[in-house]
Amino acid sequence: MNAPSANSPSPHILTGVMVILLAVTITLGLIWGLRPHPTTPEPSPSPLQESPSFSWGSITLTAPAGWYIAPIAYRTPAQAEQGEAGEVVGFQVLKNGKTPDTSGLAILNAGGPQSDALLCTDVPGRACARYEGRDALRFALWTADSSRETTDVFRAIASQLATTGSVSYAAAYDDVTYGLRVQLPGSWIGFKVQREAWHAVSMRGDSPSIPVADGPELHITHPLSTATSPRQDIPIMVFTIEQWKHIQSDEWSVSAAPFQPGELARNAAYVFAIPARYNYAFPPGFEEVEQLLREGAVSAR
C-alpha cells in the first residue's frame, strides 16, 4: 500500500470540513425558513369613532340614551397606509363606557350588505331582525343578551330601521353545551330560560321506583308569561344517548305518565325530548308551542 502524499489533506481534515459545510447549510436553511415571507395581508378593522347617531346608505339611526353606535368598517392594506377609513360593513350598538373591543359587550351587531348570513336562522343571538332596505341594503341585526334593557334597545333600533325598509323578527336559543338550538318567532324576543332537572326511577321488577339517574331539563318561557298569568313554555329534557336507551326500553321512568317523553332531535352525544303530558293544563299559548314543535323548532348541532 502506498503512503499518502505529504501534500494530500488528511482524512480527518476532510471529514471536519464536510461537517462544517453541512452545519452552515442547515443553519442558512433554518434562517431562510424563519425569515418573514411576503403574504397577502388581510383587511384590518378601521378605527372609526363611535357616535350617538349613525348613517349608512338610506338609514339614519339614533342610539337610545346611555348607548352609542360604533360603525364596523374594514380597510385594505393600501387604505391603511393612506390613512383612509375604509368601507362600512355594519355597526354595533353598545352601552356608554363599553368598547367594541371588549369581549361580550357588543350587544347588537349588523352583518354587511349582500351577506349570505341574512336569515335569522343563520346568525347567533337570542333576538334577530332581518332588514331589507329600499336601496338594496340588507343585513341581520341581532343580540345575544335577553335582558329587558337590551331587548328594549333592540326593538328601538329595529323600529327606526322599519322607516326605510322592511323588518322581520325572529328569536333563537342556542345552548353550546349540548348542541341545542330552538328557533322561535319574533313574538318570543325577550324569552327566558329556566334550568330544572328530570329524575328517573327504575322500572325493573327487582328494583322498582329506585332512583337511577337525573339530568337537565330546560324551560323556555314566553316573555309575556308571569307567575299570575302563565303561558305555555317549551320544556326540553336532555338525555345522553345511553340514558335514552334506558328510557326507550322502559327500564326507566321520568314521570307518572303512562308513556315516555317524545324525541325532538339528537346529535352524537345527546337526545332532546319533550316531556309526556307537558301541556296537560292547556295554558294560553299551548297551540302555538304545539305548532312550533311540529314544524321542527328544536334542532341539534
C-alpha atoms as a PDB file:
ATOM      1  CA  MET A   1       0.000   0.000   0.000  1.00  0.00           C
ATOM      2  CA  ASN A   2       1.278   3.452  -0.956  1.00  0.00           C
ATOM      3  CA  ALA A   3       1.629   6.023   1.798  1.00  0.00           C
ATOM      4  CA  PRO A   4      -0.386   9.278   1.372  1.00  0.00           C
ATOM      5  CA  SER A   5       1.438  12.175  -0.210  1.00  0.00           C
ATOM      6  CA  ALA A   6       2.811  14.805   2.117  1.00  0.00           C
ATOM      7  CA  ASN A   7       0.671  17.406   0.226  1.00  0.00           C
ATOM      8  CA  SER A   8      -2.625  15.446   0.488  1.00  0.00           C
ATOM      9  CA  PRO A   9      -5.058  16.559   3.218  1.00  0.00           C
ATOM     10  CA  SER A  10      -5.578  14.052   5.958  1.00  0.00           C
ATOM     11  CA  PRO A  11      -8.942  12.168   6.045  1.00  0.00           C
ATOM     12  CA  HIS A  12      -9.665  13.742   9.449  1.00  0.00           C
ATOM     13  CA  ILE A  13      -9.326  17.243   7.989  1.00  0.00           C
ATOM     14  CA  LEU A  14     -11.646  16.396   5.064  1.00  0.00           C
ATOM     15  CA  THR A  15     -14.258  14.985   7.439  1.00  0.00           C
ATOM     16  CA  GLY A  16     -14.106  18.121   9.589  1.00  0.00           C
ATOM     17  CA  VAL A  17     -14.550  20.403   6.585  1.00  0.00           C
ATOM     18  CA  MET A  18     -17.581  18.420   5.418  1.00  0.00           C
ATOM     19  CA  VAL A  19     -19.165  18.624   8.861  1.00  0.00           C
ATOM     20  CA  ILE A  20     -18.635  22.392   8.958  1.00  0.00           C
ATOM     21  CA  LEU A  21     -20.148  22.842   5.473  1.00  0.00           C
ATOM     22  CA  LEU A  22     -23.143  20.722   6.431  1.00  0.00           C
ATOM     23  CA  ALA A  23     -23.691  22.758   9.611  1.00  0.00           C
ATOM     24  CA  VAL A  24     -23.513  26.035   7.671  1.00  0.00           C
ATOM     25  CA  THR A  25     -26.030  24.725   5.103  1.00  0.00           C
ATOM     26  CA  ILE A  26     -28.501  23.668   7.781  1.00  0.00           C
ATOM     27  CA  THR A  27     -28.128  26.996   9.611  1.00  0.00           C
ATOM     28  CA  LEU A  28     -28.777  29.007   6.445  1.00  0.00           C
ATOM     29  CA  GLY A  29     -31.809  26.862   5.701  1.00  0.00           C
ATOM     30  CA  LEU A  30     -33.245  27.495   9.152  1.00  0.00           C
ATOM     31  CA  ILE A  31     -32.645  31.227   8.859  1.00  0.00           C
ATOM     32  CA  TRP A  32     -34.405  31.284   5.474  1.00  0.00           C
ATOM     33  CA  GLY A  33     -37.319  29.274   6.815  1.00  0.00           C
ATOM     34  CA  LEU A  34     -37.769  31.580   9.791  1.00  0.00           C
ATOM     35  CA  ARG A  35     -37.497  34.856   7.929  1.00  0.00           C
ATOM     36  CA  PRO A  36     -40.852  36.511   7.103  1.00  0.00           C
ATOM     37  CA  HIS A  37     -42.035  35.862   3.565  1.00  0.00           C
ATOM     38  CA  PRO A  38     -44.356  38.239   1.767  1.00  0.00           C
ATOM     39  CA  THR A  39     -48.022  37.249   2.060  1.00  0.00           C
ATOM     40  CA  THR A  40     -51.278  38.816   1.035  1.00  0.00           C
ATOM     41  CA  PRO A  41     -52.320  40.915   4.052  1.00  0.00           C
ATOM     42  CA  GLU A  42     -55.875  40.618   5.343  1.00  0.00           C
ATOM     43  CA  PRO A  43     -58.089  43.683   5.595  1.00  0.00           C
ATOM     44  CA  SER A  44     -57.783  45.297   9.001  1.00  0.00           C
ATOM     45  CA  PRO A  45     -60.512  46.826  11.153  1.00  0.00           C
ATOM     46  CA  SER A  46     -60.850  50.537  10.637  1.00  0.00           C
ATOM     47  CA  PRO A  47     -60.761  52.669  13.807  1.00  0.00           C
ATOM     48  CA  LEU A  48     -63.945  54.685  13.294  1.00  0.00           C
ATOM     49  CA  GLN A  49     -65.334  56.854  16.042  1.00  0.00           C
ATOM     50  CA  GLU A  50     -68.470  55.927  17.927  1.00  0.00           C
ATOM     51  CA  SER A  51     -71.391  58.332  17.989  1.00  0.00           C
ATOM     52  CA  PRO A  52     -74.962  58.588  19.298  1.00  0.00           C
ATOM     53  CA  SER A  53     -76.112  58.696  15.663  1.00  0.00           C
ATOM     54  CA  PHE A  54     -75.169  56.713  12.574  1.00  0.00           C
ATOM     55  CA  SER A  55     -75.877  56.917   8.832  1.00  0.00           C
ATOM     56  CA  TRP A  56     -75.442  54.067   6.357  1.00  0.00           C
ATOM     57  CA  GLY A  57     -76.975  54.230   2.891  1.00  0.00           C
ATOM     58  CA  SER A  58     -80.550  55.383   3.319  1.00  0.00           C
ATOM     59  CA  ILE A  59     -80.723  54.600   7.043  1.00  0.00           C
ATOM     60  CA  THR A  60     -80.067  57.023   9.876  1.00  0.00           C
ATOM     61  CA  LEU A  61     -80.108  55.642  13.409  1.00  0.00           C
ATOM     62  CA  THR A  62     -80.028  57.326  16.798  1.00  0.00           C
ATOM     63  CA  ALA A  63     -78.939  55.374  19.857  1.00  0.00           C
ATOM     64  CA  PRO A  64     -81.186  55.482  22.941  1.00  0.00           C
ATOM     65  CA  ALA A  65     -79.970  57.474  25.937  1.00  0.00           C
ATOM     66  CA  GLY A  66     -76.997  55.801  27.599  1.00  0.00           C
ATOM     67  CA  TRP A  67     -75.996  53.940  24.423  1.00  0.00           C
ATOM     68  CA  TYR A  68     -73.899  54.708  21.339  1.00  0.00           C
ATOM     69  CA  ILE A  69     -73.349  53.335  17.852  1.00  0.00           C
ATOM     70  CA  ALA A  70     -69.923  52.214  16.652  1.00  0.00           C
ATOM     71  CA  PRO A  71     -69.550  51.622  12.898  1.00  0.00           C
ATOM     72  CA  ILE A  72     -67.800  48.454  11.749  1.00  0.00           C
ATOM     73  CA  ALA A  73     -65.510  49.080   8.778  1.00  0.00           C
ATOM     74  CA  TYR A  74     -62.670  47.249   7.064  1.00  0.00           C
ATOM     75  CA  ARG A  75     -59.857  48.669   5.013  1.00  0.00           C
ATOM     76  CA  THR A  76     -57.273  47.149   2.717  1.00  0.00           C
ATOM     77  CA  PRO A  77     -53.544  47.472   3.473  1.00  0.00           C
ATOM     78  CA  ALA A  78     -53.343  50.229   0.864  1.00  0.00           C
ATOM     79  CA  GLN A  79     -56.158  52.144   2.574  1.00  0.00           C
ATOM     80  CA  ALA A  80     -54.470  51.679   5.931  1.00  0.00           C
ATOM     81  CA  GLU A  81     -51.215  53.109   4.535  1.00  0.00           C
ATOM     82  CA  GLN A  82     -53.050  56.150   3.200  1.00  0.00           C
ATOM     83  CA  GLY A  83     -54.951  56.593   6.464  1.00  0.00           C
ATOM     84  CA  GLU A  84     -58.304  56.079   4.762  1.00  0.00           C
ATOM     85  CA  ALA A  85     -61.302  54.992   6.845  1.00  0.00           C
ATOM     86  CA  GLY A  86     -62.356  52.019   4.728  1.00  0.00           C
ATOM     87  CA  GLU A  87     -65.802  50.702   3.849  1.00  0.00           C
ATOM     88  CA  VAL A  88     -68.536  50.478   6.477  1.00  0.00           C
ATOM     89  CA  VAL A  89     -69.923  46.928   6.605  1.00  0.00           C
ATOM     90  CA  GLY A  90     -72.030  47.099   9.753  1.00  0.00           C
ATOM     91  CA  PHE A  91     -72.407  48.610  13.192  1.00  0.00           C
ATOM     92  CA  GLN A  92     -72.582  47.816  16.881  1.00  0.00           C
ATOM     93  CA  VAL A  93     -74.842  49.373  19.474  1.00  0.00           C
ATOM     94  CA  LEU A  94     -73.205  49.433  22.879  1.00  0.00           C
ATOM     95  CA  LYS A  95     -73.708  50.882  26.309  1.00  0.00           C
ATOM     96  CA  ASN A  96     -71.781  54.022  27.234  1.00  0.00           C
ATOM     97  CA  GLY A  97     -68.474  53.121  28.837  1.00  0.00           C
ATOM     98  CA  LYS A  98     -68.149  49.897  26.831  1.00  0.00           C
ATOM     99  CA  THR A  99     -65.966  49.370  23.787  1.00  0.00           C
ATOM    100  CA  PRO A 100     -66.369  47.137  20.728  1.00  0.00           C
ATOM    101  CA  ASP A 101     -63.035  45.511  21.596  1.00  0.00           C
ATOM    102  CA  THR A 102     -64.310  44.253  24.953  1.00  0.00           C
ATOM    103  CA  SER A 103     -65.419  40.647  24.589  1.00  0.00           C
ATOM    104  CA  GLY A 104     -69.066  40.006  25.302  1.00  0.00           C
ATOM    105  CA  LEU A 105     -70.063  43.670  25.399  1.00  0.00           C
ATOM    106  CA  ALA A 106     -71.018  44.115  21.757  1.00  0.00           C
ATOM    107  CA  ILE A 107     -74.766  43.942  22.260  1.00  0.00           C
ATOM    108  CA  LEU A 108     -76.133  44.446  18.752  1.00  0.00           C
ATOM    109  CA  ASN A 109     -74.359  43.590  15.514  1.00  0.00           C
ATOM    110  CA  ALA A 110     -75.216  44.024  11.860  1.00  0.00           C
ATOM    111  CA  GLY A 111     -73.723  41.962   9.051  1.00  0.00           C
ATOM    112  CA  GLY A 112     -72.589  43.574   5.829  1.00  0.00           C
ATOM    113  CA  PRO A 113     -74.778  44.226   2.785  1.00  0.00           C
ATOM    114  CA  GLN A 114     -75.451  41.309   0.438  1.00  0.00           C
ATOM    115  CA  SER A 115     -74.225  38.986   3.181  1.00  0.00           C
ATOM    116  CA  ASP A 116     -75.105  35.302   2.988  1.00  0.00           C
ATOM    117  CA  ALA A 117     -75.959  35.303   6.703  1.00  0.00           C
ATOM    118  CA  LEU A 118     -79.173  37.255   6.291  1.00  0.00           C
ATOM    119  CA  LEU A 119     -81.630  34.682   7.535  1.00  0.00           C
ATOM    120  CA  CYS A 120     -82.110  34.857  11.264  1.00  0.00           C
ATOM    121  CA  THR A 121     -81.669  31.079  11.386  1.00  0.00           C
ATOM    122  CA  ASP A 122     -78.029  31.590  10.376  1.00  0.00           C
ATOM    123  CA  VAL A 123     -76.873  34.136  12.929  1.00  0.00           C
ATOM    124  CA  PRO A 124     -76.152  33.791  16.638  1.00  0.00           C
ATOM    125  CA  GLY A 125     -78.200  35.510  19.272  1.00  0.00           C
ATOM    126  CA  ARG A 126     -81.487  35.418  21.113  1.00  0.00           C
ATOM    127  CA  ALA A 127     -83.156  38.131  19.036  1.00  0.00           C
ATOM    128  CA  CYS A 128     -82.782  38.848  15.347  1.00  0.00           C
ATOM    129  CA  ALA A 129     -84.251  41.322  12.877  1.00  0.00           C
ATOM    130  CA  ARG A 130     -83.714  40.926   9.155  1.00  0.00           C
ATOM    131  CA  TYR A 131     -83.600  44.252   7.344  1.00  0.00           C
ATOM    132  CA  GLU A 132     -84.162  44.785   3.627  1.00  0.00           C
ATOM    133  CA  GLY A 133     -83.881  48.418   2.623  1.00  0.00           C
ATOM    134  CA  ARG A 134     -85.347  50.076  -0.397  1.00  0.00           C
ATOM    135  CA  ASP A 135     -81.794  50.899  -1.566  1.00  0.00           C
ATOM    136  CA  ALA A 136     -80.778  47.186  -1.634  1.00  0.00           C
ATOM    137  CA  LEU A 137     -79.009  47.459   1.726  1.00  0.00           C
ATOM    138  CA  ARG A 138     -79.620  44.198   3.570  1.00  0.00           C
ATOM    139  CA  PHE A 139     -78.330  42.831   6.855  1.00  0.00           C
ATOM    140  CA  ALA A 140     -79.300  40.962  10.005  1.00  0.00           C
ATOM    141  CA  LEU A 141     -79.348  42.745  13.355  1.00  0.00           C
ATOM    142  CA  TRP A 142     -79.043  40.524  16.418  1.00  0.00           C
ATOM    143  CA  THR A 143     -78.315  40.423  20.126  1.00  0.00           C
ATOM    144  CA  ALA A 144     -77.232  37.620  22.440  1.00  0.00           C
ATOM    145  CA  ASP A 145     -78.480  39.402  25.545  1.00  0.00           C
ATOM    146  CA  SER A 146     -82.083  38.764  26.628  1.00  0.00           C
ATOM    147  CA  SER A 147     -82.238  41.380  29.393  1.00  0.00           C
ATOM    148  CA  ARG A 148     -85.183  43.771  29.352  1.00  0.00           C
ATOM    149  CA  GLU A 149     -82.942  46.790  28.757  1.00  0.00           C
ATOM    150  CA  THR A 150     -81.175  45.256  25.753  1.00  0.00           C
ATOM    151  CA  THR A 151     -84.439  43.924  24.338  1.00  0.00           C
ATOM    152  CA  ASP A 152     -85.915  47.443  24.503  1.00  0.00           C
ATOM    153  CA  VAL A 153     -82.850  48.885  22.732  1.00  0.00           C
ATOM    154  CA  PHE A 154     -83.055  46.140  20.097  1.00  0.00           C
ATOM    155  CA  ARG A 155     -86.690  46.969  19.387  1.00  0.00           C
ATOM    156  CA  ALA A 156     -85.937  50.716  19.320  1.00  0.00           C
ATOM    157  CA  ILE A 157     -83.217  50.293  16.681  1.00  0.00           C
ATOM    158  CA  ALA A 158     -85.342  47.861  14.666  1.00  0.00           C
ATOM    159  CA  SER A 159     -88.267  50.323  14.748  1.00  0.00           C
ATOM    160  CA  GLN A 160     -86.031  53.022  13.276  1.00  0.00           C
ATOM    161  CA  LEU A 161     -84.954  50.619  10.543  1.00  0.00           C
ATOM    162  CA  ALA A 162     -88.596  49.958   9.683  1.00  0.00           C
ATOM    163  CA  THR A 163     -88.958  53.561   8.471  1.00  0.00           C
ATOM    164  CA  THR A 164     -86.663  52.937   5.482  1.00  0.00           C
ATOM    165  CA  GLY A 165     -87.285  49.269   4.701  1.00  0.00           C
ATOM    166  CA  SER A 166     -88.914  46.051   5.817  1.00  0.00           C
ATOM    167  CA  VAL A 167     -88.014  44.346   9.106  1.00  0.00           C
ATOM    168  CA  SER A 168     -88.865  40.769  10.043  1.00  0.00           C
ATOM    169  CA  TYR A 169     -88.202  39.445  13.531  1.00  0.00           C
ATOM    170  CA  ALA A 170     -87.118  36.095  14.934  1.00  0.00           C
ATOM    171  CA  ALA A 171     -85.679  34.719  18.148  1.00  0.00           C
ATOM    172  CA  ALA A 172     -83.453  31.747  18.875  1.00  0.00           C
ATOM    173  CA  TYR A 173     -81.945  29.918  21.806  1.00  0.00           C
ATOM    174  CA  ASP A 174     -78.530  28.299  21.349  1.00  0.00           C
ATOM    175  CA  ASP A 175     -77.072  26.012  24.009  1.00  0.00           C
ATOM    176  CA  VAL A 176     -73.463  25.304  23.074  1.00  0.00           C
ATOM    177  CA  THR A 177     -73.041  22.884  25.984  1.00  0.00           C
ATOM    178  CA  TYR A 178     -75.441  20.368  24.484  1.00  0.00           C
ATOM    179  CA  GLY A 179     -75.531  21.464  20.848  1.00  0.00           C
ATOM    180  CA  LEU A 180     -79.187  22.523  21.039  1.00  0.00           C
ATOM    181  CA  ARG A 181     -80.942  25.239  19.019  1.00  0.00           C
ATOM    182  CA  VAL A 182     -84.554  26.377  19.350  1.00  0.00           C
ATOM    183  CA  GLN A 183     -85.830  28.686  16.599  1.00  0.00           C
ATOM    184  CA  LEU A 184     -88.678  30.959  17.704  1.00  0.00           C
ATOM    185  CA  PRO A 185     -90.885  33.645  16.151  1.00  0.00           C
ATOM    186  CA  GLY A 186     -90.311  37.323  16.870  1.00  0.00           C
ATOM    187  CA  SER A 187     -93.057  37.384  19.492  1.00  0.00           C
ATOM    188  CA  TRP A 188     -90.718  35.369  21.734  1.00  0.00           C
ATOM    189  CA  ILE A 189     -87.984  38.031  21.774  1.00  0.00           C
ATOM    190  CA  GLY A 190     -87.123  38.575  25.429  1.00  0.00           C
ATOM    191  CA  PHE A 191     -87.760  34.928  26.408  1.00  0.00           C
ATOM    192  CA  LYS A 192     -86.108  33.444  29.497  1.00  0.00           C
ATOM    193  CA  VAL A 193     -84.533  30.037  30.091  1.00  0.00           C
ATOM    194  CA  GLN A 194     -85.076  28.248  33.382  1.00  0.00           C
ATOM    195  CA  ARG A 195     -82.909  25.253  34.217  1.00  0.00           C
ATOM    196  CA  GLU A 196     -84.541  22.427  36.119  1.00  0.00           C
ATOM    197  CA  ALA A 197     -83.850  18.680  36.324  1.00  0.00           C
ATOM    198  CA  TRP A 198     -85.566  15.412  35.447  1.00  0.00           C
ATOM    199  CA  HIS A 199     -85.316  12.419  37.763  1.00  0.00           C
ATOM    200  CA  ALA A 200     -85.545   8.797  36.653  1.00  0.00           C
ATOM    201  CA  VAL A 201     -86.535   5.756  38.677  1.00  0.00           C
ATOM    202  CA  SER A 202     -86.073   2.107  37.849  1.00  0.00           C
ATOM    203  CA  MET A 203     -88.997   0.172  36.349  1.00  0.00           C
ATOM    204  CA  ARG A 204     -87.365  -3.233  36.745  1.00  0.00           C
ATOM    205  CA  GLY A 205     -89.289  -5.744  38.778  1.00  0.00           C
ATOM    206  CA  ASP A 206     -86.424  -6.455  41.164  1.00  0.00           C
ATOM    207  CA  SER A 207     -85.843  -2.774  41.994  1.00  0.00           C
ATOM    208  CA  PRO A 208     -88.943  -0.682  41.205  1.00  0.00           C
ATOM    209  CA  SER A 209     -89.063   3.058  41.938  1.00  0.00           C
ATOM    210  CA  ILE A 210     -85.393   3.237  42.927  1.00  0.00           C
ATOM    211  CA  PRO A 211     -83.760   6.487  41.737  1.00  0.00           C
ATOM    212  CA  VAL A 212     -81.273   5.682  38.997  1.00  0.00           C
ATOM    213  CA  ALA A 213     -80.362   8.945  37.234  1.00  0.00           C
ATOM    214  CA  ASP A 214     -81.130  12.599  36.730  1.00  0.00           C
ATOM    215  CA  GLY A 215     -80.321  15.202  34.116  1.00  0.00           C
ATOM    216  CA  PRO A 216     -81.048  18.706  32.807  1.00  0.00           C
ATOM    217  CA  GLU A 217     -84.475  19.947  31.781  1.00  0.00           C
ATOM    218  CA  LEU A 218     -84.654  23.366  30.114  1.00  0.00           C
ATOM    219  CA  HIS A 219     -87.797  25.507  30.142  1.00  0.00           C
ATOM    220  CA  ILE A 220     -88.002  28.308  27.574  1.00  0.00           C
ATOM    221  CA  THR A 221     -90.617  30.743  28.852  1.00  0.00           C
ATOM    222  CA  HIS A 222     -92.574  33.261  26.815  1.00  0.00           C
ATOM    223  CA  PRO A 223     -91.748  36.938  27.566  1.00  0.00           C
ATOM    224  CA  LEU A 224     -95.398  37.629  28.452  1.00  0.00           C
ATOM    225  CA  SER A 225     -95.601  34.753  30.912  1.00  0.00           C
ATOM    226  CA  THR A 226     -95.912  35.768  34.569  1.00  0.00           C
ATOM    227  CA  ALA A 227     -96.474  33.973  37.859  1.00  0.00           C
ATOM    228  CA  THR A 228    -100.087  35.139  37.972  1.00  0.00           C
ATOM    229  CA  SER A 229    -100.749  34.682  34.254  1.00  0.00           C
ATOM    230  CA  PRO A 230     -98.518  31.854  32.978  1.00  0.00           C
ATOM    231  CA  ARG A 231     -98.267  30.906  29.325  1.00  0.00           C
ATOM    232  CA  GLN A 232     -97.223  27.595  27.854  1.00  0.00           C
ATOM    233  CA  ASP A 233     -93.445  27.216  27.975  1.00  0.00           C
ATOM    234  CA  ILE A 234     -91.233  24.888  25.930  1.00  0.00           C
ATOM    235  CA  PRO A 235     -89.772  22.179  28.184  1.00  0.00           C
ATOM    236  CA  ILE A 236     -86.848  20.210  26.765  1.00  0.00           C
ATOM    237  CA  MET A 237     -85.350  17.212  28.539  1.00  0.00           C
ATOM    238  CA  VAL A 238     -81.706  16.426  27.769  1.00  0.00           C
ATOM    239  CA  PHE A 239     -80.551  12.779  27.851  1.00  0.00           C
ATOM    240  CA  THR A 240     -77.280  11.162  26.967  1.00  0.00           C
ATOM    241  CA  ILE A 241     -77.531   8.512  24.263  1.00  0.00           C
ATOM    242  CA  GLU A 242     -77.071   5.772  26.871  1.00  0.00           C
ATOM    243  CA  GLN A 243     -79.746   7.247  29.167  1.00  0.00           C
ATOM    244  CA  TRP A 244     -82.169   7.438  26.260  1.00  0.00           C
ATOM    245  CA  LYS A 245     -81.733   3.711  25.612  1.00  0.00           C
ATOM    246  CA  HIS A 246     -82.989   3.023  29.138  1.00  0.00           C
ATOM    247  CA  ILE A 247     -85.977   5.297  28.522  1.00  0.00           C
ATOM    248  CA  GLN A 248     -86.877   3.648  25.224  1.00  0.00           C
ATOM    249  CA  SER A 249     -86.622   0.159  26.690  1.00  0.00           C
ATOM    250  CA  ASP A 250     -88.946   1.196  29.558  1.00  0.00           C
ATOM    251  CA  GLU A 251     -86.270   0.342  32.116  1.00  0.00           C
ATOM    252  CA  TRP A 252     -86.534   3.901  33.467  1.00  0.00           C
ATOM    253  CA  SER A 253     -89.439   6.236  34.038  1.00  0.00           C
ATOM    254  CA  VAL A 254     -89.216  10.030  34.382  1.00  0.00           C
ATOM    255  CA  SER A 255     -92.862  10.832  35.129  1.00  0.00           C
ATOM    256  CA  ALA A 256     -96.162   9.360  36.276  1.00  0.00           C
ATOM    257  CA  ALA A 257     -97.496   9.431  32.700  1.00  0.00           C
ATOM    258  CA  PRO A 258     -98.251   6.051  31.093  1.00  0.00           C
ATOM    259  CA  PHE A 259     -95.925   6.845  28.176  1.00  0.00           C
ATOM    260  CA  GLN A 260     -92.380   8.118  27.768  1.00  0.00           C
ATOM    261  CA  PRO A 261     -91.065  11.518  26.569  1.00  0.00           C
ATOM    262  CA  GLY A 262     -91.078  12.147  22.820  1.00  0.00           C
ATOM    263  CA  GLU A 263     -87.846  12.669  20.909  1.00  0.00           C
ATOM    264  CA  LEU A 264     -87.445  16.068  19.255  1.00  0.00           C
ATOM    265  CA  ALA A 265     -83.865  15.965  17.954  1.00  0.00           C
ATOM    266  CA  ARG A 266     -80.491  14.396  18.641  1.00  0.00           C
ATOM    267  CA  ASN A 267     -76.793  14.712  17.936  1.00  0.00           C
ATOM    268  CA  ALA A 268     -73.893  12.344  18.561  1.00  0.00           C
ATOM    269  CA  ALA A 269     -73.960  12.911  22.325  1.00  0.00           C
ATOM    270  CA  TYR A 270     -77.487  13.922  23.394  1.00  0.00           C
ATOM    271  CA  VAL A 271     -81.180  13.310  22.753  1.00  0.00           C
ATOM    272  CA  PHE A 272     -83.611  16.204  23.238  1.00  0.00           C
ATOM    273  CA  ALA A 273     -87.141  15.210  24.224  1.00  0.00           C
ATOM    274  CA  ILE A 274     -90.473  16.753  25.153  1.00  0.00           C
ATOM    275  CA  PRO A 275     -91.944  15.569  28.468  1.00  0.00           C
ATOM    276  CA  ALA A 276     -95.084  13.459  28.365  1.00  0.00           C
ATOM    277  CA  ARG A 277     -98.235  15.481  29.028  1.00  0.00           C
ATOM    278  CA  TYR A 278     -96.226  18.726  29.142  1.00  0.00           C
ATOM    279  CA  ASN A 279     -99.346  20.741  28.214  1.00  0.00           C
ATOM    280  CA  TYR A 280    -101.993  18.816  30.125  1.00  0.00           C
ATOM    281  CA  ALA A 281    -103.350  22.042  31.702  1.00  0.00           C
ATOM    282  CA  PHE A 282    -103.826  23.707  28.258  1.00  0.00           C
ATOM    283  CA  PRO A 283    -102.484  27.134  29.342  1.00  0.00           C
ATOM    284  CA  PRO A 284    -102.616  30.098  26.947  1.00  0.00           C
ATOM    285  CA  GLY A 285    -100.215  29.604  24.072  1.00  0.00           C
ATOM    286  CA  PHE A 286    -100.215  25.791  24.090  1.00  0.00           C
ATOM    287  CA  GLU A 287    -101.418  25.669  20.464  1.00  0.00           C
ATOM    288  CA  GLU A 288     -98.508  27.865  19.344  1.00  0.00           C
ATOM    289  CA  VAL A 289     -95.975  25.663  21.137  1.00  0.00           C
ATOM    290  CA  GLU A 290     -97.519  22.537  19.617  1.00  0.00           C
ATOM    291  CA  GLN A 291     -97.165  24.091  16.173  1.00  0.00           C
ATOM    292  CA  LEU A 292     -93.577  25.185  16.778  1.00  0.00           C
ATOM    293  CA  LEU A 293     -92.587  21.671  17.840  1.00  0.00           C
ATOM    294  CA  ARG A 294     -94.462  20.145  14.927  1.00  0.00           C
ATOM    295  CA  GLU A 295     -92.614  22.421  12.483  1.00  0.00           C
ATOM    296  CA  GLY A 296     -89.189  21.474  13.850  1.00  0.00           C
ATOM    297  CA  ALA A 297     -88.318  24.468  16.034  1.00  0.00           C
ATOM    298  CA  VAL A 298     -85.971  22.262  18.071  1.00  0.00           C
ATOM    299  CA  SER A 299     -82.837  21.058  16.293  1.00  0.00           C
ATOM    300  CA  ALA A 300     -79.448  19.605  17.219  1.00  0.00           C
ATOM    301  CA  ARG A 301     -75.972  20.669  16.147  1.00  0.00           C
END
